[in-house]
C-alpha atoms as a PDB file:
ATOM      1  CA  MET A   1     -35.559 -16.559 -18.638  1.00  0.00           C
ATOM      2  CA  THR A   2     -32.480 -15.536 -16.707  1.00  0.00           C
ATOM      3  CA  GLU A   3     -29.818 -13.829 -18.813  1.00  0.00           C
ATOM      4  CA  GLY A   4     -26.910 -16.105 -19.709  1.00  0.00           C
ATOM      5  CA  ILE A   5     -28.570 -19.352 -18.604  1.00  0.00           C
ATOM      6  CA  SER A   6     -29.030 -22.103 -21.137  1.00  0.00           C
ATOM      7  CA  GLN A   7     -32.687 -23.171 -20.965  1.00  0.00           C
ATOM      8  CA  PRO A   8     -33.188 -26.810 -21.978  1.00  0.00           C
ATOM      9  CA  THR A   9     -36.514 -28.006 -23.268  1.00  0.00           C
ATOM     10  CA  VAL A  10     -37.021 -30.175 -20.179  1.00  0.00           C
ATOM     11  CA  THR A  11     -36.176 -28.891 -16.707  1.00  0.00           C
ATOM     12  CA  PRO A  12     -36.476 -31.164 -13.655  1.00  0.00           C
ATOM     13  CA  TYR A  13     -38.625 -29.790 -10.822  1.00  0.00           C
ATOM     14  CA  LEU A  14     -38.092 -31.697  -7.576  1.00  0.00           C
ATOM     15  CA  THR A  15     -40.379 -31.710  -4.564  1.00  0.00           C
ATOM     16  CA  VAL A  16     -38.392 -32.316  -1.390  1.00  0.00           C
ATOM     17  CA  ASN A  17     -38.889 -32.397   2.325  1.00  0.00           C
ATOM     18  CA  ASN A  18     -36.480 -29.655   3.496  1.00  0.00           C
ATOM     19  CA  ALA A  19     -35.538 -27.634   0.417  1.00  0.00           C
ATOM     20  CA  LYS A  20     -32.860 -25.654   2.272  1.00  0.00           C
ATOM     21  CA  ALA A  21     -31.006 -28.882   3.134  1.00  0.00           C
ATOM     22  CA  ALA A  22     -31.482 -30.149  -0.435  1.00  0.00           C
ATOM     23  CA  ILE A  23     -29.909 -26.994  -1.847  1.00  0.00           C
ATOM     24  CA  LYS A  24     -26.926 -27.459   0.461  1.00  0.00           C
ATOM     25  CA  PHE A  25     -26.571 -31.117  -0.633  1.00  0.00           C
ATOM     26  CA  TYR A  26     -26.682 -30.254  -4.350  1.00  0.00           C
ATOM     27  CA  GLU A  27     -24.212 -27.394  -3.855  1.00  0.00           C
ATOM     28  CA  GLU A  28     -21.770 -29.634  -1.961  1.00  0.00           C
ATOM     29  CA  VAL A  29     -22.089 -32.732  -4.142  1.00  0.00           C
ATOM     30  CA  PHE A  30     -22.612 -31.306  -7.642  1.00  0.00           C
ATOM     31  CA  ASP A  31     -21.095 -27.848  -7.127  1.00  0.00           C
ATOM     32  CA  ALA A  32     -24.517 -26.432  -8.085  1.00  0.00           C
ATOM     33  CA  GLN A  33     -25.181 -22.726  -7.641  1.00  0.00           C
ATOM     34  CA  CYS A  34     -28.458 -21.453  -6.224  1.00  0.00           C
ATOM     35  CA  THR A  35     -29.524 -18.535  -8.406  1.00  0.00           C
ATOM     36  CA  PHE A  36     -32.978 -17.862  -6.947  1.00  0.00           C
ATOM     37  CA  LYS A  37     -34.911 -18.621  -3.750  1.00  0.00           C
ATOM     38  CA  MET A  38     -38.436 -17.636  -2.777  1.00  0.00           C
ATOM     39  CA  ASP A  39     -39.505 -18.211   0.805  1.00  0.00           C
ATOM     40  CA  ALA A  40     -43.020 -19.399   1.537  1.00  0.00           C
ATOM     41  CA  GLU A  41     -45.346 -17.242   3.627  1.00  0.00           C
ATOM     42  CA  ASP A  42     -44.708 -19.488   6.659  1.00  0.00           C
ATOM     43  CA  GLY A  43     -41.055 -18.361   6.668  1.00  0.00           C
ATOM     44  CA  GLU A  44     -39.831 -21.950   7.002  1.00  0.00           C
ATOM     45  CA  ARG A  45     -40.339 -23.626   3.643  1.00  0.00           C
ATOM     46  CA  LEU A  46     -39.170 -22.612   0.190  1.00  0.00           C
ATOM     47  CA  MET A  47     -41.882 -21.971  -2.372  1.00  0.00           C
ATOM     48  CA  HIS A  48     -39.362 -22.168  -5.216  1.00  0.00           C
ATOM     49  CA  ALA A  49     -35.634 -22.355  -5.839  1.00  0.00           C
ATOM     50  CA  THR A  50     -33.578 -22.532  -9.005  1.00  0.00           C
ATOM     51  CA  LEU A  51     -30.116 -24.034  -9.060  1.00  0.00           C
ATOM     52  CA  LEU A  52     -27.647 -24.277 -11.894  1.00  0.00           C
ATOM     53  CA  LEU A  53     -26.244 -27.788 -12.155  1.00  0.00           C
ATOM     54  CA  ARG A  54     -23.555 -28.093 -14.826  1.00  0.00           C
ATOM     55  CA  GLY A  55     -24.961 -24.953 -16.462  1.00  0.00           C
ATOM     56  CA  HIS A  56     -28.563 -26.150 -16.570  1.00  0.00           C
ATOM     57  CA  PRO A  57     -31.475 -25.258 -14.295  1.00  0.00           C
ATOM     58  CA  LEU A  58     -32.804 -27.580 -11.634  1.00  0.00           C
ATOM     59  CA  ASN A  59     -35.910 -26.320  -9.840  1.00  0.00           C
ATOM     60  CA  LEU A  60     -37.167 -27.469  -6.468  1.00  0.00           C
ATOM     61  CA  SER A  61     -39.534 -26.636  -3.659  1.00  0.00           C
ATOM     62  CA  ASP A  62     -40.716 -27.958  -0.355  1.00  0.00           C
ATOM     63  CA  GLU A  63     -43.957 -29.923  -0.111  1.00  0.00           C
ATOM     64  CA  PHE A  64     -47.144 -27.841  -0.149  1.00  0.00           C
ATOM     65  CA  PRO A  65     -50.046 -30.253   0.455  1.00  0.00           C
ATOM     66  CA  GLU A  66     -52.305 -27.337   1.394  1.00  0.00           C
ATOM     67  CA  PHE A  67     -52.116 -26.144  -2.226  1.00  0.00           C
ATOM     68  CA  GLY A  68     -52.636 -29.597  -3.727  1.00  0.00           C
ATOM     69  CA  GLY A  69     -48.911 -29.933  -4.395  1.00  0.00           C
ATOM     70  CA  HIS A  70     -47.073 -33.166  -4.849  1.00  0.00           C
ATOM     71  CA  SER A  71     -45.342 -35.015  -2.050  1.00  0.00           C
ATOM     72  CA  ALA A  72     -41.625 -35.656  -1.841  1.00  0.00           C
ATOM     73  CA  PRO A  73     -40.608 -39.263  -2.592  1.00  0.00           C
ATOM     74  CA  ASP A  74     -41.197 -41.862   0.116  1.00  0.00           C
ATOM     75  CA  MET A  75     -37.806 -42.231   1.797  1.00  0.00           C
ATOM     76  CA  GLN A  76     -38.195 -46.021   2.119  1.00  0.00           C
ATOM     77  CA  VAL A  77     -38.928 -46.490  -1.577  1.00  0.00           C
ATOM     78  CA  GLY A  78     -37.376 -43.472  -3.311  1.00  0.00           C
ATOM     79  CA  SER A  79     -38.434 -41.946  -6.585  1.00  0.00           C
ATOM     80  CA  PRO A  80     -39.140 -44.186  -9.589  1.00  0.00           C
ATOM     81  CA  VAL A  81     -37.792 -41.354 -11.772  1.00  0.00           C
ATOM     82  CA  ALA A  82     -34.039 -40.953 -12.293  1.00  0.00           C
ATOM     83  CA  ILE A  83     -32.180 -37.733 -13.034  1.00  0.00           C
ATOM     84  CA  GLY A  84     -29.325 -38.426 -15.431  1.00  0.00           C
ATOM     85  CA  VAL A  85     -26.170 -36.325 -15.432  1.00  0.00           C
ATOM     86  CA  ARG A  86     -23.508 -36.805 -18.105  1.00  0.00           C
ATOM     87  CA  PHE A  87     -19.836 -35.988 -17.490  1.00  0.00           C
ATOM     88  CA  ASP A  88     -16.856 -35.659 -19.813  1.00  0.00           C
ATOM     89  CA  ASP A  89     -14.358 -36.981 -17.255  1.00  0.00           C
ATOM     90  CA  VAL A  90     -14.834 -40.544 -15.919  1.00  0.00           C
ATOM     91  CA  THR A  91     -13.093 -39.612 -12.647  1.00  0.00           C
ATOM     92  CA  GLU A  92     -16.006 -37.282 -11.845  1.00  0.00           C
ATOM     93  CA  ILE A  93     -18.323 -40.300 -11.524  1.00  0.00           C
ATOM     94  CA  ASP A  94     -16.365 -41.807  -8.630  1.00  0.00           C
ATOM     95  CA  ARG A  95     -15.720 -38.461  -6.952  1.00  0.00           C
ATOM     96  CA  ILE A  96     -19.343 -37.320  -6.982  1.00  0.00           C
ATOM     97  CA  TYR A  97     -20.672 -40.758  -6.018  1.00  0.00           C
ATOM     98  CA  GLY A  98     -18.312 -40.819  -3.001  1.00  0.00           C
ATOM     99  CA  LEU A  99     -19.274 -37.297  -1.994  1.00  0.00           C
ATOM    100  CA  ALA A 100     -22.995 -38.080  -2.340  1.00  0.00           C
ATOM    101  CA  LEU A 101     -22.720 -41.074   0.003  1.00  0.00           C
ATOM    102  CA  GLU A 102     -20.554 -39.111   2.437  1.00  0.00           C
ATOM    103  CA  LYS A 103     -23.242 -36.374   2.576  1.00  0.00           C
ATOM    104  CA  GLY A 104     -26.103 -38.791   3.288  1.00  0.00           C
ATOM    105  CA  GLY A 105     -26.962 -40.336  -0.083  1.00  0.00           C
ATOM    106  CA  LYS A 106     -27.780 -44.034  -0.404  1.00  0.00           C
ATOM    107  CA  ASN A 107     -26.126 -46.459  -2.818  1.00  0.00           C
ATOM    108  CA  SER A 108     -28.137 -47.975  -5.615  1.00  0.00           C
ATOM    109  CA  HIS A 109     -25.331 -49.002  -8.005  1.00  0.00           C
ATOM    110  CA  PRO A 110     -21.650 -48.239  -7.283  1.00  0.00           C
ATOM    111  CA  PRO A 111     -19.408 -46.833 -10.042  1.00  0.00           C
ATOM    112  CA  GLU A 112     -18.641 -49.467 -12.649  1.00  0.00           C
ATOM    113  CA  ASP A 113     -17.361 -49.655 -16.224  1.00  0.00           C
ATOM    114  CA  MET A 114     -20.383 -50.904 -18.154  1.00  0.00           C
ATOM    115  CA  PHE A 115     -20.567 -53.105 -21.242  1.00  0.00           C
ATOM    116  CA  TRP A 116     -22.135 -50.298 -23.285  1.00  0.00           C
ATOM    117  CA  GLY A 117     -19.013 -48.118 -22.913  1.00  0.00           C
ATOM    118  CA  ASP A 118     -19.854 -45.785 -20.014  1.00  0.00           C
ATOM    119  CA  ARG A 119     -18.653 -45.430 -16.447  1.00  0.00           C
ATOM    120  CA  PHE A 120     -21.958 -45.519 -14.552  1.00  0.00           C
ATOM    121  CA  CYS A 121     -23.294 -45.206 -11.016  1.00  0.00           C
ATOM    122  CA  GLN A 122     -26.626 -44.606  -9.371  1.00  0.00           C
ATOM    123  CA  PHE A 123     -27.566 -43.305  -5.919  1.00  0.00           C
ATOM    124  CA  TYR A 124     -30.481 -41.831  -4.005  1.00  0.00           C
ATOM    125  CA  ASP A 125     -29.989 -38.412  -2.489  1.00  0.00           C
ATOM    126  CA  PRO A 126     -31.132 -37.886   1.137  1.00  0.00           C
ATOM    127  CA  PHE A 127     -34.475 -36.583  -0.197  1.00  0.00           C
ATOM    128  CA  GLY A 128     -35.434 -39.749  -2.106  1.00  0.00           C
ATOM    129  CA  HIS A 129     -34.476 -38.624  -5.619  1.00  0.00           C
ATOM    130  CA  ARG A 130     -32.502 -41.076  -7.771  1.00  0.00           C
ATOM    131  CA  TRP A 131     -29.458 -39.873  -9.706  1.00  0.00           C
ATOM    132  CA  MET A 132     -27.660 -41.693 -12.549  1.00  0.00           C
ATOM    133  CA  LEU A 133     -24.177 -40.463 -13.438  1.00  0.00           C
ATOM    134  CA  THR A 134     -22.467 -41.468 -16.681  1.00  0.00           C
ATOM    135  CA  ALA A 135     -19.277 -40.701 -18.589  1.00  0.00           C
ATOM    136  CA  LEU A 136     -17.948 -42.206 -21.800  1.00  0.00           C
ATOM    137  CA  LEU A 137     -15.038 -44.562 -21.119  1.00  0.00           C
ATOM    138  CA  PRO A 138     -11.820 -43.643 -22.931  1.00  0.00           C
ATOM    139  CA  GLN A 139     -11.238 -45.721 -26.043  1.00  0.00           C
ATOM    140  CA  SER A 140      -8.127 -47.901 -25.883  1.00  0.00           C
END
């Protein structure tokens, strides 16, 4: 465990096609910080990377079919799994959603105040992973 990093019980591990581009996307959209990268022997792909997203680890790697690894999501269909990120400030939902689409993400559900009391949106990143962003609406 890396010193000073909160380690949740569940840590997402994403398989992507072009891990270096994915890291750049997550840094630009979520202000994530890459804390570790391990290049593959081919010098092109990443065997492993760890990012901190809102203080929590997010791991990812490129596809490695030669080692029996999993494939990245089909870009036409996207991942059936969603990664949920909770925010304290409702304005972050709109800002990050807009940035994600500007950087190549694809809309799934635009930001909206929902009946259950959250501001909510959903998008696919350019690598086929689905993100759900939520923040508690202020009480009036």
